[in-house]
């Protein structure tokens, strides 16, 4: 019986590994196709030739790829993957598939930081620093408030409620910044940033954000088996030797660092961290060893596809936040309807 169970487990893991490999290949193919999309037409053959030899067909192609399309492709992969893996981690620690990366107010805090920086006429670097700092500060406030009011109460419930209150406060502060901002210059900038976009992302910004995302992702992958144990409940996890308080704090810090890092360069982009983990769960199941990397790859693919539509569907680029909401809400209803037939 045990031999048969081990064979079944190995067979299942082989299937999940194959799915991850196929997602990697699909991501590479879509990234290559995304490089060809735009008003300046490029062929995939010319792009591959440039990537492997460094020789461009013309100077325009080299400038276009290095300064515009490559940063945008890398940015879409990074932002989509980061939001998705942090969403999967949050859903794991809260044992709730309705949880998204902004549950603890990190997006609201980052939005207020960016709005304040734009109102104060800071540079784009200043906007990103303020967004990153205020995003992490919002999470810190949530943890502090939940610890103060959460004695002898349900820790998860207190975290969620503290996150809702903190998010509401920062959303009110964002509205205040819009109210006091100059309507001719500052208000449009704040509004556009809050809608989310990858139009102005550069390789320098990616080089700054990438290490922070990696620092946040590595502990999540290493602790994936403990996330599986946590899904059984705190009491069961403690009997298996897992310090649930330290684990939950570590996961929250890592996921919040990932979210704040990408939000500060891409603006507020919702739904990705909520719907993509559902899709990944349908592909590989609830085992976080495979769910986390599958969420990252699926989120990257999804963001590449949406970004391709955003910059090519109309003459004016559609903000990512709007487009993803239009796509994400119906998709979430589909996943929700299927989840009633299949246990989360």
Protein backbone atom coordinates (compact mmCIF):
# COMPACT_ATOMS: atom_id res chain seq x y z
CA UNK A 1 0.00 0.00 0.00
CA UNK A 2 2.78 2.47 0.93
CA UNK A 3 4.68 1.64 -2.28
CA UNK A 4 1.55 2.36 -4.33
CA UNK A 5 1.02 5.67 -2.48
CA UNK A 6 4.64 6.71 -3.12
CA UNK A 7 4.22 5.90 -6.81
CA UNK A 8 1.05 8.00 -6.97
CA UNK A 9 2.78 10.91 -5.23
CA UNK A 10 5.73 10.73 -7.63
CA UNK A 11 3.34 10.58 -10.57
CA UNK A 12 1.48 13.64 -9.30
CA UNK A 13 4.71 15.56 -8.71
CA UNK A 14 5.91 14.68 -12.20
CA UNK A 15 2.70 16.14 -13.61
CA UNK A 16 3.11 19.34 -11.60
CA UNK A 17 6.75 19.66 -12.62
CA UNK A 18 5.77 19.23 -16.27
CA UNK A 19 3.16 21.97 -15.91
CA UNK A 20 5.80 24.34 -14.50
CA UNK A 21 8.15 23.56 -17.40
CA UNK A 22 5.38 24.19 -19.93
CA UNK A 23 4.54 27.49 -18.24
CA UNK A 24 8.20 28.54 -18.47
CA UNK A 25 8.24 27.77 -22.20
CA UNK A 26 4.93 29.58 -22.70
CA UNK A 27 6.30 32.60 -20.83
CA UNK A 28 9.36 32.74 -23.11
CA UNK A 29 7.19 32.48 -26.24
CA UNK A 30 4.77 35.19 -25.11
CA UNK A 31 7.69 37.44 -24.08
CA UNK A 32 9.16 37.06 -27.57
CA UNK A 33 5.80 37.84 -29.19
CA UNK A 34 5.38 40.86 -26.88
CA UNK A 35 8.68 42.26 -28.14
CA UNK A 36 7.24 42.34 -31.66
CA UNK A 37 4.08 44.24 -30.66
CA UNK A 38 4.06 47.97 -31.28
CA UNK A 39 3.86 50.67 -33.90
CA UNK A 40 7.43 49.92 -35.01
CA UNK A 41 7.15 46.41 -36.42
CA UNK A 42 9.86 43.89 -35.53
CA UNK A 43 10.13 40.25 -36.48
CA UNK A 44 10.83 37.54 -33.91
CA UNK A 45 13.80 36.40 -36.03
CA UNK A 46 15.43 39.83 -35.87
CA UNK A 47 14.85 39.99 -32.11
CA UNK A 48 16.40 36.55 -31.51
CA UNK A 49 19.33 37.51 -33.72
CA UNK A 50 19.87 40.66 -31.65
CA UNK A 51 19.56 38.76 -28.34
CA UNK A 52 22.11 36.07 -29.25
CA UNK A 53 24.56 38.12 -31.33
CA UNK A 54 24.09 41.68 -30.12
CA UNK A 55 23.77 42.87 -33.71
CA UNK A 56 20.67 44.85 -34.65
CA UNK A 57 19.16 45.29 -38.09
CA UNK A 58 19.28 49.06 -37.56
CA UNK A 59 19.98 51.57 -34.81
CA UNK A 60 16.27 52.18 -34.22
CA UNK A 61 15.75 48.53 -33.38
CA UNK A 62 18.56 48.51 -30.82
CA UNK A 63 17.28 51.67 -29.12
CA UNK A 64 13.69 50.47 -29.17
CA UNK A 65 14.46 47.09 -27.65
CA UNK A 66 16.94 48.19 -25.00
CA UNK A 67 15.17 51.34 -23.83
CA UNK A 68 11.48 50.55 -24.26
CA UNK A 69 10.40 47.01 -25.01
CA UNK A 70 12.87 44.93 -22.97
CA UNK A 71 12.31 47.01 -19.80
CA UNK A 72 8.57 46.78 -20.32
CA UNK A 73 8.65 43.00 -20.86
CA UNK A 74 10.86 42.43 -17.81
CA UNK A 75 8.67 44.79 -15.82
CA UNK A 76 5.49 42.93 -16.77
CA UNK A 77 7.06 39.59 -15.85
CA UNK A 78 8.31 40.94 -12.53
CA UNK A 79 5.14 42.80 -11.53
CA UNK A 80 2.71 40.06 -12.55
CA UNK A 81 4.77 37.30 -10.97
CA UNK A 82 5.44 39.25 -7.76
CA UNK A 83 1.80 40.18 -7.16
CA UNK A 84 0.67 36.63 -7.88
CA UNK A 85 3.15 34.85 -5.62
CA UNK A 86 2.50 37.28 -2.78
CA UNK A 87 -1.24 36.74 -3.24
CA UNK A 88 -0.77 32.97 -3.05
CA UNK A 89 1.31 33.38 0.12
CA UNK A 90 -1.29 35.62 1.74
CA UNK A 91 -4.07 33.19 0.87
CA UNK A 92 -2.00 30.41 2.43
CA UNK A 93 -1.35 32.08 5.77
CA UNK A 94 -4.90 33.37 6.10
CA UNK A 95 -6.35 30.08 4.80
CA UNK A 96 -8.75 32.13 2.70
CA UNK A 97 -8.90 32.20 -1.14
CA UNK A 98 -10.58 35.63 -1.02
CA UNK A 99 -7.41 37.32 0.26
CA UNK A 100 -5.27 39.53 -2.01
CA UNK A 101 -1.89 41.29 -1.52
CA UNK A 102 -3.53 44.54 -0.41
CA UNK A 103 -5.35 42.88 2.50
CA UNK A 104 -2.95 44.50 4.99
CA UNK A 105 -3.03 47.95 3.42
CA UNK A 106 0.29 47.85 1.57
CA UNK A 107 -1.24 49.11 -1.69
CA UNK A 108 -3.19 51.87 0.05
CA UNK A 109 -0.08 52.96 1.92
CA UNK A 110 1.97 52.98 -1.26
CA UNK A 111 -0.76 54.94 -3.04
CA UNK A 112 -0.74 57.59 -0.33
CA UNK A 113 3.06 57.77 -0.41
CA UNK A 114 3.08 58.32 -4.15
CA UNK A 115 0.23 60.86 -3.98
CA UNK A 116 2.04 62.81 -1.25
CA UNK A 117 5.30 62.78 -3.20
CA UNK A 118 3.59 63.99 -6.39
CA UNK A 119 1.82 66.75 -4.44
CA UNK A 120 5.19 67.84 -3.01
CA UNK A 121 6.67 67.90 -6.55
CA UNK A 122 9.27 65.23 -5.80
CA UNK A 123 11.11 63.47 -8.61
CA UNK A 124 10.03 60.06 -9.91
CA UNK A 125 12.67 58.46 -7.70
CA UNK A 126 11.18 60.31 -4.74
CA UNK A 127 7.71 59.09 -5.69
CA UNK A 128 8.93 55.49 -5.77
CA UNK A 129 10.79 55.80 -2.45
CA UNK A 130 7.75 57.34 -0.75
CA UNK A 131 5.45 54.68 -2.20
CA UNK A 132 7.73 51.86 -1.05
CA UNK A 133 8.26 53.34 2.42
CA UNK A 134 4.60 54.15 3.11
CA UNK A 135 3.54 50.74 1.78
CA UNK A 136 5.74 48.95 4.31
CA UNK A 137 4.76 51.43 7.02
CA UNK A 138 1.09 50.55 6.46
CA UNK A 139 1.85 46.86 7.04
CA UNK A 140 3.86 47.70 10.14
CA UNK A 141 0.91 49.68 11.51
CA UNK A 142 -1.43 46.77 10.81
CA UNK A 143 0.85 44.37 12.69
CA UNK A 144 1.19 46.83 15.58
CA UNK A 145 -2.54 47.50 15.87
CA UNK A 146 -3.46 43.82 15.61
CA UNK A 147 -0.98 42.97 18.35
CA UNK A 148 -2.34 45.69 20.65
CA UNK A 149 -6.02 44.85 20.22
CA UNK A 150 -5.65 41.17 19.44
CA UNK A 151 -4.76 39.77 22.87
CA UNK A 152 -6.78 36.64 23.63
CA UNK A 153 -8.60 37.00 20.30
CA UNK A 154 -8.43 35.37 16.89
CA UNK A 155 -5.08 36.53 15.46
CA UNK A 156 -6.09 36.16 11.80
CA UNK A 157 -9.36 38.03 12.29
CA UNK A 158 -7.57 40.86 14.07
CA UNK A 159 -5.03 41.11 11.24
CA UNK A 160 -7.76 41.31 8.62
CA UNK A 161 -9.78 43.89 10.55
CA UNK A 162 -6.67 45.98 11.26
CA UNK A 163 -5.80 45.82 7.58
CA UNK A 164 -9.27 47.01 6.61
CA UNK A 165 -9.11 49.96 9.01
CA UNK A 166 -5.57 50.93 7.99
CA UNK A 167 -6.44 50.64 4.30
CA UNK A 168 -9.51 52.84 4.80
CA UNK A 169 -7.41 55.50 6.54
CA UNK A 170 -4.79 55.57 3.79
CA UNK A 171 -7.50 55.64 1.11
CA UNK A 172 -8.97 58.68 2.85
CA UNK A 173 -5.53 60.29 2.84
CA UNK A 174 -5.23 59.58 -0.89
CA UNK A 175 -8.55 61.37 -1.40
CA UNK A 176 -7.21 64.26 0.66
CA UNK A 177 -4.13 64.50 -1.57
CA UNK A 178 -6.39 64.57 -4.63
CA UNK A 179 -8.46 67.32 -3.03
CA UNK A 180 -5.52 69.60 -2.25
CA UNK A 181 -3.48 68.80 -5.39
CA UNK A 182 -3.23 71.29 -8.23
CA UNK A 183 -5.96 70.36 -10.72
CA UNK A 184 -3.91 71.32 -13.78
CA UNK A 185 -0.77 69.25 -13.14
CA UNK A 186 -0.60 67.30 -9.89
CA UNK A 187 -4.10 65.78 -9.87
CA UNK A 188 -3.77 64.16 -13.33
CA UNK A 189 -0.37 62.73 -12.32
CA UNK A 190 -1.79 61.26 -9.11
CA UNK A 191 -4.78 59.80 -10.95
CA UNK A 192 -2.63 58.26 -13.67
CA UNK A 193 -0.21 56.73 -11.13
CA UNK A 194 -3.07 55.20 -9.14
CA UNK A 195 -4.44 53.54 -12.29
CA UNK A 196 -1.20 51.60 -12.76
CA UNK A 197 1.05 51.51 -15.80
CA UNK A 198 4.33 50.11 -17.11
CA UNK A 199 4.76 52.76 -19.79
CA UNK A 200 7.63 54.59 -18.12
CA UNK A 201 9.48 51.70 -16.49
CA UNK A 202 13.25 51.54 -17.08
CA UNK A 203 15.94 48.90 -16.65
CA UNK A 204 17.45 51.00 -13.85
CA UNK A 205 14.19 50.72 -11.89
CA UNK A 206 14.04 46.99 -12.53
CA UNK A 207 17.61 46.58 -11.30
CA UNK A 208 16.62 48.30 -8.04
CA UNK A 209 13.37 46.37 -7.55
CA UNK A 210 14.56 42.92 -8.65
CA UNK A 211 16.86 42.25 -5.61
CA UNK A 212 14.06 43.16 -3.18
CA UNK A 213 11.63 40.86 -4.97
CA UNK A 214 14.18 38.02 -4.91
CA UNK A 215 14.87 38.62 -1.20
CA UNK A 216 11.14 38.28 -0.56
CA UNK A 217 10.54 35.27 -2.81
CA UNK A 218 13.38 33.02 -1.58
CA UNK A 219 12.03 32.66 2.00
CA UNK A 220 8.54 32.00 0.61
CA UNK A 221 9.84 29.11 -1.48
CA UNK A 222 11.93 27.74 1.39
CA UNK A 223 8.95 27.90 3.76
CA UNK A 224 6.44 26.46 1.29
CA UNK A 225 6.17 23.16 3.19
CA UNK A 226 5.34 25.04 6.39
CA UNK A 227 2.59 26.87 4.53
CA UNK A 228 1.15 23.45 3.70
CA UNK A 229 1.23 22.52 7.39
CA UNK A 230 -0.40 25.83 8.33
CA UNK A 231 -3.37 25.02 6.12
CA UNK A 232 -4.41 22.37 8.67
CA UNK A 233 -4.81 25.04 11.35
CA UNK A 234 -2.66 26.59 14.05
CA UNK A 235 -3.13 23.83 16.62
CA UNK A 236 -2.18 21.06 14.20
CA UNK A 237 0.79 23.07 12.95
CA UNK A 238 2.05 23.61 16.49
CA UNK A 239 1.87 19.89 17.21
CA UNK A 240 4.14 19.37 14.19
CA UNK A 241 6.70 21.80 15.60
CA UNK A 242 5.83 24.89 13.53
CA UNK A 243 6.01 28.24 15.29
CA UNK A 244 2.90 29.72 13.68
CA UNK A 245 3.44 33.24 15.00
CA UNK A 246 6.98 33.53 13.61
CA UNK A 247 5.97 31.82 10.37
CA UNK A 248 3.01 34.12 9.81
CA UNK A 249 5.11 37.21 10.57
CA UNK A 250 7.85 36.07 8.20
CA UNK A 251 5.44 35.36 5.36
CA UNK A 252 3.66 38.69 5.85
CA UNK A 253 6.94 40.61 5.81
CA UNK A 254 8.21 38.82 2.69
CA UNK A 255 4.93 39.13 0.77
CA UNK A 256 4.55 42.79 1.77
CA UNK A 257 8.13 43.54 0.69
CA UNK A 258 7.43 41.95 -2.71
CA UNK A 259 4.17 43.86 -3.15
CA UNK A 260 5.57 47.22 -2.06
CA UNK A 261 8.58 46.78 -4.34
CA UNK A 262 6.55 46.35 -7.53
CA UNK A 263 3.76 48.78 -6.62
CA UNK A 264 6.28 51.60 -6.23
CA UNK A 265 7.30 51.29 -9.92
CA UNK A 266 4.03 50.15 -11.53
CA UNK A 267 1.34 51.90 -9.48
CA UNK A 268 -1.77 50.23 -8.07
CA UNK A 269 -2.68 47.08 -10.00
CA UNK A 270 -5.44 45.01 -8.46
CA UNK A 271 -7.00 41.58 -9.07
CA UNK A 272 -3.76 39.88 -10.18
CA UNK A 273 -2.85 38.68 -6.69
CA UNK A 274 -6.42 37.50 -6.15
CA UNK A 275 -7.35 35.63 -9.33
CA UNK A 276 -4.02 34.17 -10.50
CA UNK A 277 -3.46 31.98 -7.39
CA UNK A 278 -6.93 30.50 -8.07
CA UNK A 279 -5.88 29.65 -11.62
CA UNK A 280 -2.57 28.19 -10.39
CA UNK A 281 -4.42 26.11 -7.80
CA UNK A 282 -6.53 24.57 -10.56
CA UNK A 283 -3.34 23.69 -12.45
CA UNK A 284 -1.13 22.21 -9.71
CA UNK A 285 -3.31 21.89 -6.61
CA UNK A 286 -2.89 23.41 -3.14
CA UNK A 287 0.69 22.18 -2.49
CA UNK A 288 2.62 25.45 -2.02
CA UNK A 289 5.83 23.82 -3.23
CA UNK A 290 4.32 23.97 -6.72
CA UNK A 291 1.59 26.57 -6.16
CA UNK A 292 4.00 29.44 -5.46
CA UNK A 293 6.19 29.04 -8.59
CA UNK A 294 3.09 28.28 -10.68
CA UNK A 295 1.48 31.49 -9.42
CA UNK A 296 4.59 33.48 -10.33
CA UNK A 297 4.76 32.06 -13.86
CA UNK A 298 1.01 32.35 -14.44
CA UNK A 299 0.98 35.93 -13.17
CA UNK A 300 3.87 36.87 -15.44
CA UNK A 301 2.11 35.38 -18.46
CA UNK A 302 -1.16 37.10 -17.57
CA UNK A 303 0.52 40.49 -17.13
CA UNK A 304 2.38 40.14 -20.44
CA UNK A 305 -0.87 39.39 -22.25
CA UNK A 306 -2.77 42.24 -20.63
CA UNK A 307 0.08 44.70 -21.18
CA UNK A 308 0.21 43.70 -24.83
CA UNK A 309 -3.48 44.50 -25.17
CA UNK A 310 -3.08 47.76 -23.22
CA UNK A 311 -0.46 49.17 -25.59
CA UNK A 312 -1.80 47.88 -28.88
CA UNK A 313 -5.61 47.77 -28.69
CA UNK A 314 -6.09 51.52 -29.16
CA UNK A 315 -4.06 54.53 -30.24
CA UNK A 316 -4.00 55.70 -26.61
CA UNK A 317 -2.57 53.28 -24.07
CA UNK A 318 -5.14 51.89 -21.64
CA UNK A 319 -4.00 52.02 -17.98
CA UNK A 320 -3.32 48.53 -16.66
CA UNK A 321 -5.46 48.98 -13.57
CA UNK A 322 -8.56 49.64 -15.67
CA UNK A 323 -7.95 46.83 -18.13
CA UNK A 324 -7.10 44.24 -15.48
CA UNK A 325 -10.23 45.13 -13.52
CA UNK A 326 -12.36 44.66 -16.63
CA UNK A 327 -10.75 41.28 -17.27
CA UNK A 328 -10.17 40.17 -13.69
CA UNK A 329 -13.67 40.63 -12.29
CA UNK A 330 -15.39 38.25 -14.78
CA UNK A 331 -12.51 35.77 -14.47
CA UNK A 332 -12.87 35.79 -10.70
CA UNK A 333 -16.56 34.95 -11.04
CA UNK A 334 -15.61 31.99 -13.26
CA UNK A 335 -13.04 30.70 -10.75
CA UNK A 336 -15.49 31.29 -7.90
CA UNK A 337 -18.19 29.26 -9.62
CA UNK A 338 -15.75 26.39 -10.19
CA UNK A 339 -14.53 26.53 -6.61
CA UNK A 340 -18.04 25.59 -5.44
CA UNK A 341 -17.60 22.30 -7.28
CA UNK A 342 -14.04 21.70 -6.13
CA UNK A 343 -12.83 22.18 -2.59
CA UNK A 344 -10.24 24.87 -2.10
